[in-house]
């Protein structure tokens, strides 16, 4: 094989690699389900999750925004199944701050109350909607989004994800509670270090 042909083949192979679409999601599995290590017996209880009982058993609902998750961390049977849920509990006036899910889209269904929701696309355009009971809204994969209960009563929503571990990246927490240098943040937000330090203090974990 000549040097020219070899170089041509290498260029074609490199181009094929470069133009492959970027995919971030759960890998396919080659078994019906994944059994946790050191587990000898699997029965129906392994495939059962009771953590959402708060919705139906009369438990006092929390007085601050709360997420009850059913991901593979809480429900190991989801490992490899590319699906998970979360229950979102919103007292009036509370918000689920801007965040992203890097590995899945989110399909939100309003069970009670009302929510103002929105997301921002990669062109910087904001899409918002006021949702009522029975409404469903999709947050595209990886985009920054939020939910806010502006109503007078409690709001409850159920979210489905196309991943057993969608991940959550909170923008306030990521920016102001992870140790990024104050000067970097001040320059990024075109403000001064004093403002950044106040924001960080507001997000600090209370003892």
N, C-alpha and C. Protein backbone atom coordinates (compact mmCIF):
# COMPACT_ATOMS: atom_id res chain seq x y z
N UNK A 1 0.86 -1.19 0.00
CA UNK A 1 0.00 0.00 0.00
C UNK A 1 0.89 1.24 0.00
N UNK A 2 0.57 2.18 -0.88
CA UNK A 2 1.39 3.39 -0.95
C UNK A 2 1.11 4.30 0.23
N UNK A 3 2.05 5.19 0.47
CA UNK A 3 1.90 6.14 1.58
C UNK A 3 0.68 7.02 1.38
N UNK A 4 0.42 7.41 0.12
CA UNK A 4 -0.72 8.28 -0.18
C UNK A 4 -2.02 7.57 0.16
N UNK A 5 -2.14 6.26 -0.23
CA UNK A 5 -3.35 5.50 0.07
C UNK A 5 -3.54 5.33 1.57
N UNK A 6 -2.42 5.08 2.27
CA UNK A 6 -2.50 4.90 3.72
C UNK A 6 -2.98 6.18 4.40
N UNK A 7 -2.43 7.30 3.97
CA UNK A 7 -2.86 8.59 4.54
C UNK A 7 -4.33 8.85 4.25
N UNK A 8 -4.77 8.51 3.02
CA UNK A 8 -6.17 8.71 2.65
C UNK A 8 -7.10 7.89 3.53
N UNK A 9 -6.72 6.63 3.77
CA UNK A 9 -7.54 5.76 4.63
C UNK A 9 -7.61 6.30 6.05
N UNK A 10 -6.49 6.76 6.55
CA UNK A 10 -6.45 7.33 7.90
C UNK A 10 -7.33 8.56 8.01
N UNK A 11 -7.30 9.40 6.97
CA UNK A 11 -8.13 10.61 6.97
C UNK A 11 -9.61 10.25 6.96
N UNK A 12 -9.99 9.25 6.15
CA UNK A 12 -11.38 8.82 6.09
C UNK A 12 -11.82 8.26 7.44
N UNK A 13 -10.96 7.44 8.04
CA UNK A 13 -11.30 6.86 9.35
C UNK A 13 -11.44 7.95 10.40
N UNK A 14 -10.55 8.93 10.37
CA UNK A 14 -10.62 10.03 11.34
C UNK A 14 -11.89 10.83 11.16
N UNK A 15 -12.26 11.09 9.90
CA UNK A 15 -13.47 11.85 9.62
C UNK A 15 -14.70 11.10 10.11
N UNK A 16 -14.71 9.77 9.95
CA UNK A 16 -15.85 8.97 10.41
C UNK A 16 -16.00 9.07 11.92
N UNK A 17 -14.88 9.11 12.61
CA UNK A 17 -14.93 9.24 14.06
C UNK A 17 -15.43 10.63 14.47
N UNK A 18 -14.93 11.64 13.79
CA UNK A 18 -15.27 13.03 14.14
C UNK A 18 -16.75 13.31 13.96
N UNK A 19 -17.37 12.76 12.89
CA UNK A 19 -18.76 13.12 12.59
C UNK A 19 -19.76 12.25 13.34
N UNK A 20 -19.30 11.33 14.19
CA UNK A 20 -20.24 10.55 14.99
C UNK A 20 -20.96 11.49 15.96
N UNK A 21 -22.29 11.37 16.10
CA UNK A 21 -23.01 12.24 17.03
C UNK A 21 -22.64 11.94 18.47
N UNK A 22 -22.61 12.98 19.28
CA UNK A 22 -22.34 12.80 20.71
C UNK A 22 -23.59 12.27 21.39
N UNK A 23 -23.46 11.16 22.10
CA UNK A 23 -24.59 10.54 22.76
C UNK A 23 -24.26 10.39 24.23
N UNK A 24 -25.15 10.86 25.08
CA UNK A 24 -24.98 10.70 26.53
C UNK A 24 -26.25 10.09 27.07
N UNK A 25 -26.17 8.87 27.52
CA UNK A 25 -27.35 8.20 28.02
C UNK A 25 -26.99 6.86 28.62
N UNK A 26 -28.00 6.12 29.03
CA UNK A 26 -27.77 4.83 29.64
C UNK A 26 -27.33 3.80 28.59
N UNK A 27 -26.34 2.97 28.91
CA UNK A 27 -25.95 1.93 27.96
C UNK A 27 -26.99 0.81 27.91
N UNK A 28 -27.08 0.16 26.76
CA UNK A 28 -27.95 -1.01 26.66
C UNK A 28 -27.35 -2.15 27.48
N UNK A 29 -28.22 -3.00 28.02
CA UNK A 29 -27.75 -4.16 28.77
C UNK A 29 -28.08 -5.43 27.99
N UNK A 30 -27.36 -6.51 28.27
CA UNK A 30 -27.52 -7.76 27.54
C UNK A 30 -28.25 -8.81 28.37
N UNK A 31 -28.87 -8.38 29.47
CA UNK A 31 -29.65 -9.28 30.32
C UNK A 31 -31.01 -8.63 30.56
N UNK A 32 -31.94 -9.39 31.12
CA UNK A 32 -33.27 -8.84 31.41
C UNK A 32 -33.19 -7.72 32.43
N UNK A 33 -32.36 -7.89 33.44
CA UNK A 33 -32.16 -6.89 34.48
C UNK A 33 -30.81 -7.14 35.13
N UNK A 34 -30.37 -6.16 35.93
CA UNK A 34 -29.06 -6.24 36.58
C UNK A 34 -29.26 -6.56 38.06
N UNK A 35 -28.68 -7.64 38.49
CA UNK A 35 -28.76 -8.05 39.88
C UNK A 35 -27.61 -7.42 40.66
N UNK A 36 -27.88 -6.80 41.81
CA UNK A 36 -26.80 -6.21 42.60
C UNK A 36 -25.78 -7.27 43.03
N UNK A 37 -24.52 -6.87 43.19
CA UNK A 37 -23.51 -7.83 43.64
C UNK A 37 -23.89 -8.43 45.00
N UNK A 38 -23.47 -9.66 45.21
CA UNK A 38 -23.66 -10.37 46.48
C UNK A 38 -25.14 -10.55 46.83
N UNK A 39 -25.99 -10.59 45.81
CA UNK A 39 -27.42 -10.84 46.03
C UNK A 39 -27.74 -12.26 45.56
N UNK A 40 -28.24 -13.07 46.47
CA UNK A 40 -28.50 -14.48 46.15
C UNK A 40 -29.91 -14.72 45.64
N UNK A 41 -30.87 -13.99 46.21
CA UNK A 41 -32.27 -14.25 45.87
C UNK A 41 -32.95 -12.97 45.40
N UNK A 42 -33.65 -13.07 44.25
CA UNK A 42 -34.43 -11.95 43.72
C UNK A 42 -35.88 -12.38 43.67
N UNK A 43 -36.77 -11.54 44.24
CA UNK A 43 -38.20 -11.82 44.12
C UNK A 43 -38.92 -10.52 43.77
N UNK A 44 -40.23 -10.51 43.84
CA UNK A 44 -41.00 -9.33 43.43
C UNK A 44 -40.68 -8.08 44.21
N UNK A 45 -40.21 -8.22 45.44
CA UNK A 45 -39.92 -7.04 46.26
C UNK A 45 -38.76 -6.22 45.67
N UNK A 46 -37.87 -6.90 44.95
CA UNK A 46 -36.74 -6.20 44.32
C UNK A 46 -37.23 -5.19 43.28
N UNK A 47 -38.35 -5.49 42.65
CA UNK A 47 -38.89 -4.64 41.60
C UNK A 47 -39.98 -3.70 42.11
N UNK A 48 -40.07 -3.52 43.42
CA UNK A 48 -41.10 -2.69 44.04
C UNK A 48 -40.45 -1.52 44.78
N UNK A 49 -41.02 -0.32 44.60
CA UNK A 49 -40.55 0.89 45.28
C UNK A 49 -41.73 1.54 45.97
N UNK A 50 -41.61 1.81 47.27
CA UNK A 50 -42.72 2.37 48.05
C UNK A 50 -42.44 3.79 48.54
N UNK A 51 -41.41 4.41 47.99
CA UNK A 51 -41.00 5.72 48.49
C UNK A 51 -41.93 6.86 48.18
N UNK A 52 -42.91 6.65 47.29
CA UNK A 52 -43.85 7.72 46.95
C UNK A 52 -45.13 7.63 47.78
N UNK A 53 -45.11 6.87 48.84
CA UNK A 53 -46.28 6.76 49.70
C UNK A 53 -46.73 8.07 50.29
N UNK A 54 -45.83 9.05 50.35
CA UNK A 54 -46.17 10.37 50.87
C UNK A 54 -47.34 10.98 50.11
N UNK A 55 -47.55 10.56 48.87
CA UNK A 55 -48.63 11.12 48.06
C UNK A 55 -49.99 10.57 48.41
N UNK A 56 -50.04 9.41 49.05
CA UNK A 56 -51.33 8.74 49.23
C UNK A 56 -51.63 8.31 50.66
N UNK A 57 -50.66 8.40 51.56
CA UNK A 57 -50.90 7.84 52.89
C UNK A 57 -51.19 8.88 53.97
N UNK A 58 -51.47 10.12 53.56
CA UNK A 58 -51.84 11.14 54.53
C UNK A 58 -50.69 11.75 55.31
N UNK A 59 -49.46 11.47 54.91
CA UNK A 59 -48.30 12.06 55.57
C UNK A 59 -48.30 13.58 55.40
N UNK A 60 -47.89 14.28 56.44
CA UNK A 60 -47.80 15.74 56.38
C UNK A 60 -46.79 16.13 55.30
N UNK A 61 -47.21 16.96 54.37
CA UNK A 61 -46.32 17.38 53.30
C UNK A 61 -45.29 18.39 53.82
N UNK A 62 -44.07 18.38 53.28
CA UNK A 62 -43.02 19.29 53.77
C UNK A 62 -43.36 20.75 53.52
N UNK A 63 -42.78 21.64 54.35
CA UNK A 63 -43.05 23.08 54.22
C UNK A 63 -41.98 23.80 53.42
N UNK A 64 -41.11 23.07 52.75
CA UNK A 64 -40.15 23.65 51.81
C UNK A 64 -40.09 22.76 50.57
N UNK A 65 -39.59 23.32 49.47
CA UNK A 65 -39.51 22.53 48.24
C UNK A 65 -38.72 21.26 48.49
N UNK A 66 -39.29 20.13 48.05
CA UNK A 66 -38.68 18.82 48.31
C UNK A 66 -38.80 17.94 47.07
N UNK A 67 -37.74 17.19 46.79
CA UNK A 67 -37.75 16.20 45.72
C UNK A 67 -37.61 14.82 46.34
N UNK A 68 -38.54 13.92 46.01
CA UNK A 68 -38.44 12.52 46.42
C UNK A 68 -38.10 11.73 45.16
N UNK A 69 -36.90 11.14 45.14
CA UNK A 69 -36.42 10.50 43.93
C UNK A 69 -36.65 8.99 43.93
N UNK A 70 -36.84 8.46 42.73
CA UNK A 70 -36.83 7.02 42.50
C UNK A 70 -35.87 6.77 41.34
N UNK A 71 -34.58 6.92 41.61
CA UNK A 71 -33.53 6.61 40.64
C UNK A 71 -32.90 5.29 41.05
N UNK A 72 -31.89 4.86 40.32
CA UNK A 72 -31.31 3.57 40.65
C UNK A 72 -30.59 3.60 42.00
N UNK A 73 -30.28 4.80 42.51
CA UNK A 73 -29.68 4.90 43.84
C UNK A 73 -30.67 4.48 44.92
N UNK A 74 -31.94 4.89 44.77
CA UNK A 74 -32.99 4.53 45.73
C UNK A 74 -33.70 3.23 45.36
N UNK A 75 -33.67 2.89 44.09
CA UNK A 75 -34.45 1.76 43.56
C UNK A 75 -33.53 0.96 42.61
N UNK A 76 -32.68 0.10 43.14
CA UNK A 76 -31.65 -0.57 42.35
C UNK A 76 -32.17 -1.35 41.14
N UNK A 77 -33.42 -1.76 41.16
CA UNK A 77 -33.97 -2.50 40.01
C UNK A 77 -33.99 -1.66 38.73
N UNK A 78 -33.87 -0.34 38.85
CA UNK A 78 -33.86 0.53 37.67
C UNK A 78 -32.54 0.48 36.92
N UNK A 79 -31.50 -0.04 37.53
CA UNK A 79 -30.20 -0.09 36.88
C UNK A 79 -30.30 -0.81 35.54
N UNK A 80 -29.95 -0.10 34.46
CA UNK A 80 -30.01 -0.67 33.13
C UNK A 80 -31.35 -0.53 32.42
N UNK A 81 -32.36 0.04 33.09
CA UNK A 81 -33.71 0.13 32.52
C UNK A 81 -34.01 1.47 31.85
N UNK A 82 -33.11 2.44 31.97
CA UNK A 82 -33.23 3.73 31.28
C UNK A 82 -34.51 4.49 31.62
N UNK A 83 -34.94 4.41 32.87
CA UNK A 83 -36.13 5.15 33.31
C UNK A 83 -36.02 5.43 34.80
N UNK A 84 -36.58 6.55 35.23
CA UNK A 84 -36.66 6.87 36.65
C UNK A 84 -37.75 7.92 36.84
N UNK A 85 -38.09 8.15 38.12
CA UNK A 85 -39.13 9.11 38.48
C UNK A 85 -38.64 10.04 39.59
N UNK A 86 -39.34 11.15 39.75
CA UNK A 86 -39.16 12.01 40.91
C UNK A 86 -40.50 12.66 41.23
N UNK A 87 -40.81 12.77 42.51
CA UNK A 87 -41.97 13.54 42.95
C UNK A 87 -41.48 14.89 43.43
N UNK A 88 -42.10 15.96 42.94
CA UNK A 88 -41.71 17.33 43.29
C UNK A 88 -42.81 17.95 44.13
N UNK A 89 -42.45 18.41 45.31
CA UNK A 89 -43.41 18.95 46.27
C UNK A 89 -43.13 20.44 46.49
N UNK A 90 -44.11 21.28 46.15
CA UNK A 90 -43.94 22.74 46.16
C UNK A 90 -44.93 23.42 47.09
N UNK A 91 -44.55 23.83 48.30
CA UNK A 91 -45.41 24.78 49.03
C UNK A 91 -45.52 26.06 48.21
N UNK A 92 -46.58 26.84 48.44
CA UNK A 92 -46.75 28.04 47.63
C UNK A 92 -45.56 28.99 47.81
N UNK A 93 -45.14 29.61 46.72
CA UNK A 93 -44.02 30.55 46.74
C UNK A 93 -42.65 29.91 46.63
N UNK A 94 -42.58 28.59 46.48
CA UNK A 94 -41.28 27.93 46.40
C UNK A 94 -40.92 27.60 44.96
N UNK A 95 -39.63 27.36 44.74
CA UNK A 95 -39.14 27.11 43.39
C UNK A 95 -38.14 25.97 43.38
N UNK A 96 -38.09 25.30 42.26
CA UNK A 96 -36.99 24.38 41.96
C UNK A 96 -36.04 25.19 41.10
N UNK A 97 -34.92 25.66 41.67
CA UNK A 97 -34.06 26.63 40.98
C UNK A 97 -33.54 26.11 39.65
N UNK A 98 -33.06 27.01 38.79
CA UNK A 98 -32.53 26.59 37.48
C UNK A 98 -31.50 25.48 37.62
N UNK A 99 -31.67 24.45 36.78
CA UNK A 99 -30.80 23.28 36.84
C UNK A 99 -30.87 22.54 35.51
N UNK A 100 -30.02 21.54 35.35
CA UNK A 100 -30.05 20.70 34.16
C UNK A 100 -29.99 19.24 34.56
N UNK A 101 -30.42 18.38 33.63
CA UNK A 101 -30.25 16.93 33.76
C UNK A 101 -29.42 16.49 32.55
N UNK A 102 -28.14 16.22 32.75
CA UNK A 102 -27.26 15.99 31.59
C UNK A 102 -27.52 14.70 30.83
N UNK A 103 -28.22 13.75 31.45
CA UNK A 103 -28.36 12.45 30.80
C UNK A 103 -29.79 12.10 30.39
N UNK A 104 -30.74 13.04 30.53
CA UNK A 104 -32.12 12.68 30.18
C UNK A 104 -32.99 13.91 30.01
N UNK A 105 -34.00 13.76 29.14
CA UNK A 105 -35.10 14.72 29.12
C UNK A 105 -35.97 14.46 30.35
N UNK A 106 -36.80 15.46 30.69
CA UNK A 106 -37.72 15.33 31.82
C UNK A 106 -39.14 15.58 31.34
N UNK A 107 -40.05 14.69 31.70
CA UNK A 107 -41.46 14.83 31.35
C UNK A 107 -42.22 15.04 32.66
N UNK A 108 -42.71 16.26 32.87
CA UNK A 108 -43.34 16.65 34.13
C UNK A 108 -44.85 16.66 33.99
N UNK A 109 -45.54 16.07 34.98
CA UNK A 109 -47.00 15.99 35.00
C UNK A 109 -47.49 16.60 36.31
N UNK A 110 -48.39 17.59 36.22
CA UNK A 110 -48.90 18.28 37.41
C UNK A 110 -50.06 17.49 38.00
N UNK A 111 -49.87 17.04 39.25
CA UNK A 111 -50.89 16.27 39.95
C UNK A 111 -51.83 17.14 40.76
N UNK A 112 -51.30 18.26 41.28
CA UNK A 112 -52.10 19.13 42.14
C UNK A 112 -51.54 20.54 42.08
N UNK A 113 -52.42 21.54 42.17
CA UNK A 113 -51.97 22.93 42.16
C UNK A 113 -51.64 23.42 40.77
N UNK A 114 -50.75 24.39 40.72
CA UNK A 114 -50.32 24.97 39.45
C UNK A 114 -48.85 25.34 39.53
N UNK A 115 -48.19 25.33 38.38
CA UNK A 115 -46.76 25.63 38.32
C UNK A 115 -46.45 26.51 37.13
N UNK A 116 -45.53 27.44 37.33
CA UNK A 116 -44.93 28.18 36.22
C UNK A 116 -43.61 27.49 35.91
N UNK A 117 -43.42 27.07 34.66
CA UNK A 117 -42.22 26.33 34.31
C UNK A 117 -41.57 26.97 33.09
N UNK A 118 -40.31 26.64 32.87
CA UNK A 118 -39.65 27.15 31.68
C UNK A 118 -38.28 26.53 31.48
N UNK A 119 -37.78 26.68 30.25
CA UNK A 119 -36.41 26.27 29.95
C UNK A 119 -35.81 27.23 28.94
N UNK A 120 -34.48 27.22 28.85
CA UNK A 120 -33.75 28.08 27.92
C UNK A 120 -33.01 27.19 26.93
N UNK A 121 -33.18 27.47 25.63
CA UNK A 121 -32.50 26.65 24.64
C UNK A 121 -31.07 27.14 24.41
N UNK A 122 -30.34 26.47 23.52
CA UNK A 122 -28.93 26.80 23.32
C UNK A 122 -28.73 28.11 22.58
N UNK A 123 -29.81 28.68 22.04
CA UNK A 123 -29.75 30.00 21.41
C UNK A 123 -30.09 31.11 22.40
N UNK A 124 -30.38 30.73 23.65
CA UNK A 124 -30.71 31.73 24.67
C UNK A 124 -32.16 32.13 24.70
N UNK A 125 -33.04 31.39 24.03
CA UNK A 125 -34.46 31.71 24.03
C UNK A 125 -35.15 31.02 25.20
N UNK A 126 -35.99 31.78 25.92
CA UNK A 126 -36.73 31.26 27.06
C UNK A 126 -38.13 30.82 26.63
N UNK A 127 -38.51 29.60 27.03
CA UNK A 127 -39.85 29.07 26.79
C UNK A 127 -40.52 28.85 28.15
N UNK A 128 -41.65 29.50 28.38
CA UNK A 128 -42.33 29.36 29.67
C UNK A 128 -43.78 28.96 29.46
N UNK A 129 -44.37 28.40 30.51
CA UNK A 129 -45.78 28.01 30.44
C UNK A 129 -46.33 27.93 31.86
N UNK A 130 -47.59 28.34 32.03
CA UNK A 130 -48.30 28.15 33.29
C UNK A 130 -49.09 26.85 33.20
N UNK A 131 -48.78 25.91 34.07
CA UNK A 131 -49.40 24.60 34.03
C UNK A 131 -50.46 24.44 35.10
N UNK A 132 -51.53 23.75 34.75
CA UNK A 132 -52.61 23.43 35.67
C UNK A 132 -52.63 21.91 35.90
N UNK A 133 -53.48 21.48 36.84
CA UNK A 133 -53.62 20.04 37.10
C UNK A 133 -53.94 19.29 35.81
N UNK A 134 -53.21 18.22 35.56
CA UNK A 134 -53.43 17.42 34.35
C UNK A 134 -52.55 17.81 33.19
N UNK A 135 -51.87 18.96 33.29
CA UNK A 135 -50.97 19.38 32.21
C UNK A 135 -49.64 18.63 32.29
N UNK A 136 -49.02 18.45 31.13
CA UNK A 136 -47.72 17.81 31.03
C UNK A 136 -46.79 18.72 30.24
N UNK A 137 -45.50 18.73 30.62
CA UNK A 137 -44.53 19.61 29.96
C UNK A 137 -43.22 18.85 29.85
N UNK A 138 -42.54 18.97 28.71
CA UNK A 138 -41.25 18.31 28.54
C UNK A 138 -40.12 19.33 28.58
N UNK A 139 -39.08 19.00 29.35
CA UNK A 139 -37.85 19.78 29.39
C UNK A 139 -36.81 19.00 28.58
N UNK A 140 -36.36 19.54 27.44
CA UNK A 140 -35.42 18.80 26.61
C UNK A 140 -34.12 18.47 27.34
N UNK A 141 -33.53 17.40 26.93
CA UNK A 141 -32.33 16.86 27.57
C UNK A 141 -31.21 17.88 27.66
N UNK A 142 -30.69 18.07 28.86
CA UNK A 142 -29.50 18.88 29.07
C UNK A 142 -29.72 20.38 29.14
N UNK A 143 -30.96 20.87 28.89
CA UNK A 143 -31.19 22.31 28.88
C UNK A 143 -31.55 22.82 30.27
N UNK A 144 -31.16 24.07 30.54
CA UNK A 144 -31.44 24.70 31.84
C UNK A 144 -32.94 24.94 31.96
N UNK A 145 -33.52 24.54 33.11
CA UNK A 145 -34.95 24.71 33.30
C UNK A 145 -35.28 24.93 34.78
N UNK A 146 -36.53 25.28 35.05
CA UNK A 146 -36.97 25.59 36.41
C UNK A 146 -38.45 25.32 36.55
N UNK A 147 -38.92 25.27 37.81
CA UNK A 147 -40.36 25.25 38.12
C UNK A 147 -40.59 26.17 39.31
N UNK A 148 -41.74 26.86 39.31
CA UNK A 148 -42.06 27.81 40.38
C UNK A 148 -43.55 27.74 40.70
N UNK A 149 -43.86 27.62 41.98
CA UNK A 149 -45.26 27.60 42.41
C UNK A 149 -45.67 29.01 42.80
N UNK A 150 -46.31 29.71 41.87
CA UNK A 150 -46.79 31.07 42.13
C UNK A 150 -48.22 31.08 42.63
N UNK A 151 -48.83 29.90 42.77
CA UNK A 151 -50.22 29.82 43.19
C UNK A 151 -50.39 29.99 44.69
N UNK A 152 -51.63 29.98 45.12
CA UNK A 152 -51.94 30.18 46.54
C UNK A 152 -51.83 28.91 47.36
N UNK A 153 -51.91 27.75 46.69
CA UNK A 153 -51.89 26.48 47.42
C UNK A 153 -50.66 25.65 47.13
N UNK A 154 -50.70 24.42 47.62
CA UNK A 154 -49.60 23.47 47.41
C UNK A 154 -49.64 22.97 45.97
N UNK A 155 -48.48 22.65 45.43
CA UNK A 155 -48.40 22.05 44.10
C UNK A 155 -47.57 20.77 44.17
N UNK A 156 -48.02 19.76 43.45
CA UNK A 156 -47.32 18.48 43.41
C UNK A 156 -47.19 18.06 41.95
N UNK A 157 -45.99 17.63 41.57
CA UNK A 157 -45.76 17.17 40.21
C UNK A 157 -44.97 15.87 40.23
N UNK A 158 -45.15 15.09 39.18
CA UNK A 158 -44.41 13.85 39.00
C UNK A 158 -43.58 13.99 37.74
N UNK A 159 -42.28 13.70 37.84
CA UNK A 159 -41.40 13.81 36.68
C UNK A 159 -40.85 12.45 36.31
N UNK A 160 -40.85 12.16 35.01
CA UNK A 160 -40.28 10.94 34.47
C UNK A 160 -39.02 11.30 33.68
N UNK A 161 -38.02 10.43 33.75
CA UNK A 161 -36.74 10.67 33.09
C UNK A 161 -36.36 9.46 32.24
N UNK A 162 -35.73 9.72 31.10
CA UNK A 162 -35.28 8.64 30.23
C UNK A 162 -33.91 8.13 30.60
N UNK A 163 -33.66 8.01 31.88
CA UNK A 163 -32.39 7.48 32.39
C UNK A 163 -32.63 6.99 33.80
N UNK A 164 -31.93 5.95 34.20
CA UNK A 164 -32.01 5.49 35.58
C UNK A 164 -31.23 6.40 36.51
N UNK A 165 -30.41 7.28 35.93
CA UNK A 165 -29.61 8.22 36.71
C UNK A 165 -29.41 9.48 35.87
N UNK A 166 -30.46 10.31 35.80
CA UNK A 166 -30.44 11.48 34.92
C UNK A 166 -29.42 12.51 35.36
N UNK A 167 -29.11 12.55 36.66
CA UNK A 167 -28.19 13.56 37.17
C UNK A 167 -28.86 14.91 37.28
N UNK A 168 -28.44 15.70 38.25
CA UNK A 168 -28.95 17.07 38.41
C UNK A 168 -27.80 18.01 38.67
N UNK A 169 -27.70 19.05 37.86
CA UNK A 169 -26.69 20.08 38.04
C UNK A 169 -27.42 21.37 38.39
N UNK A 170 -27.38 21.75 39.67
CA UNK A 170 -28.02 22.98 40.12
C UNK A 170 -27.14 24.17 39.79
N UNK A 171 -27.67 25.15 39.07
CA UNK A 171 -26.84 26.29 38.69
C UNK A 171 -26.41 27.12 39.89
N UNK A 172 -27.33 27.49 40.81
CA UNK A 172 -26.87 28.27 41.96
C UNK A 172 -25.81 27.54 42.77
N UNK A 173 -26.05 26.27 43.04
CA UNK A 173 -25.10 25.51 43.82
C UNK A 173 -23.78 25.32 43.10
N UNK A 174 -23.84 25.01 41.80
CA UNK A 174 -22.63 24.78 41.03
C UNK A 174 -21.78 26.03 40.94
N UNK A 175 -22.43 27.17 40.77
CA UNK A 175 -21.68 28.41 40.59
C UNK A 175 -21.17 29.00 41.90
N UNK A 176 -22.00 28.94 42.94
CA UNK A 176 -21.67 29.70 44.15
C UNK A 176 -21.38 28.85 45.38
N UNK A 177 -21.40 27.55 45.25
CA UNK A 177 -21.15 26.72 46.44
C UNK A 177 -20.14 25.62 46.18
N UNK A 178 -19.29 25.81 45.17
CA UNK A 178 -18.30 24.78 44.86
C UNK A 178 -16.87 25.28 44.91
N UNK A 179 -16.68 26.52 45.33
CA UNK A 179 -15.31 27.02 45.49
C UNK A 179 -14.73 27.71 44.27
N UNK A 180 -15.55 28.00 43.25
CA UNK A 180 -15.03 28.78 42.12
C UNK A 180 -14.57 30.14 42.65
N UNK A 181 -13.43 30.60 42.17
CA UNK A 181 -12.82 31.82 42.68
C UNK A 181 -13.78 33.02 42.55
N UNK A 182 -13.84 33.84 43.60
CA UNK A 182 -14.73 35.00 43.62
C UNK A 182 -14.46 35.95 42.46
N UNK A 183 -13.19 36.13 42.12
CA UNK A 183 -12.83 37.06 41.05
C UNK A 183 -13.35 36.54 39.71
N UNK A 184 -13.23 35.23 39.48
CA UNK A 184 -13.73 34.64 38.23
C UNK A 184 -15.24 34.87 38.12
N UNK A 185 -15.97 34.63 39.22
CA UNK A 185 -17.42 34.82 39.19
C UNK A 185 -17.78 36.30 39.02
N UNK A 186 -17.07 37.17 39.71
CA UNK A 186 -17.35 38.61 39.61
C UNK A 186 -17.17 39.09 38.17
N UNK A 187 -16.10 38.66 37.52
CA UNK A 187 -15.88 39.07 36.13
C UNK A 187 -16.92 38.45 35.21
N UNK A 188 -17.30 37.20 35.47
CA UNK A 188 -18.28 36.53 34.63
C UNK A 188 -19.64 37.20 34.69
N UNK A 189 -20.03 37.67 35.89
CA UNK A 189 -21.34 38.30 36.08
C UNK A 189 -21.28 39.81 36.03
N UNK A 190 -20.09 40.34 35.71
CA UNK A 190 -19.90 41.80 35.59
C UNK A 190 -20.36 42.53 36.85
N UNK A 191 -19.91 42.02 37.98
CA UNK A 191 -20.21 42.64 39.27
C UNK A 191 -18.93 42.65 40.09
N UNK A 192 -19.05 42.91 41.39
CA UNK A 192 -17.85 42.95 42.22
C UNK A 192 -17.81 41.76 43.16
N UNK A 193 -16.66 41.57 43.78
CA UNK A 193 -16.45 40.42 44.65
C UNK A 193 -17.40 40.43 45.84
N UNK A 194 -17.73 41.63 46.35
CA UNK A 194 -18.63 41.73 47.49
C UNK A 194 -19.99 41.12 47.21
N UNK A 195 -20.53 41.35 46.02
CA UNK A 195 -21.83 40.78 45.64
C UNK A 195 -21.72 39.26 45.56
N UNK A 196 -20.65 38.77 44.98
CA UNK A 196 -20.44 37.33 44.87
C UNK A 196 -20.38 36.69 46.26
N UNK A 197 -19.69 37.33 47.18
CA UNK A 197 -19.56 36.78 48.53
C UNK A 197 -20.91 36.75 49.24
N UNK A 198 -21.76 37.73 48.98
CA UNK A 198 -23.11 37.72 49.57
C UNK A 198 -23.93 36.56 49.00
N UNK A 199 -23.81 36.33 47.70
CA UNK A 199 -24.51 35.21 47.08
C UNK A 199 -24.04 33.88 47.68
N UNK A 200 -22.74 33.75 47.84
CA UNK A 200 -22.19 32.52 48.42
C UNK A 200 -22.67 32.34 49.85
N UNK A 201 -22.72 33.42 50.61
CA UNK A 201 -23.18 33.32 52.00
C UNK A 201 -24.62 32.88 52.07
N UNK A 202 -25.44 33.35 51.11
CA UNK A 202 -26.85 32.96 51.09
C UNK A 202 -27.07 31.51 50.77
N UNK A 203 -26.13 30.90 50.06
CA UNK A 203 -26.25 29.49 49.67
C UNK A 203 -25.49 28.56 50.60
N UNK A 204 -24.80 29.11 51.58
CA UNK A 204 -24.03 28.28 52.49
C UNK A 204 -24.97 27.40 53.32
N UNK A 205 -24.53 26.19 53.60
CA UNK A 205 -25.33 25.26 54.39
C UNK A 205 -25.44 25.77 55.83
N UNK A 206 -26.68 25.90 56.31
CA UNK A 206 -26.88 26.41 57.67
C UNK A 206 -26.59 25.29 58.67
N UNK A 207 -25.87 25.63 59.78
CA UNK A 207 -25.54 24.61 60.79
C UNK A 207 -26.77 24.12 61.51
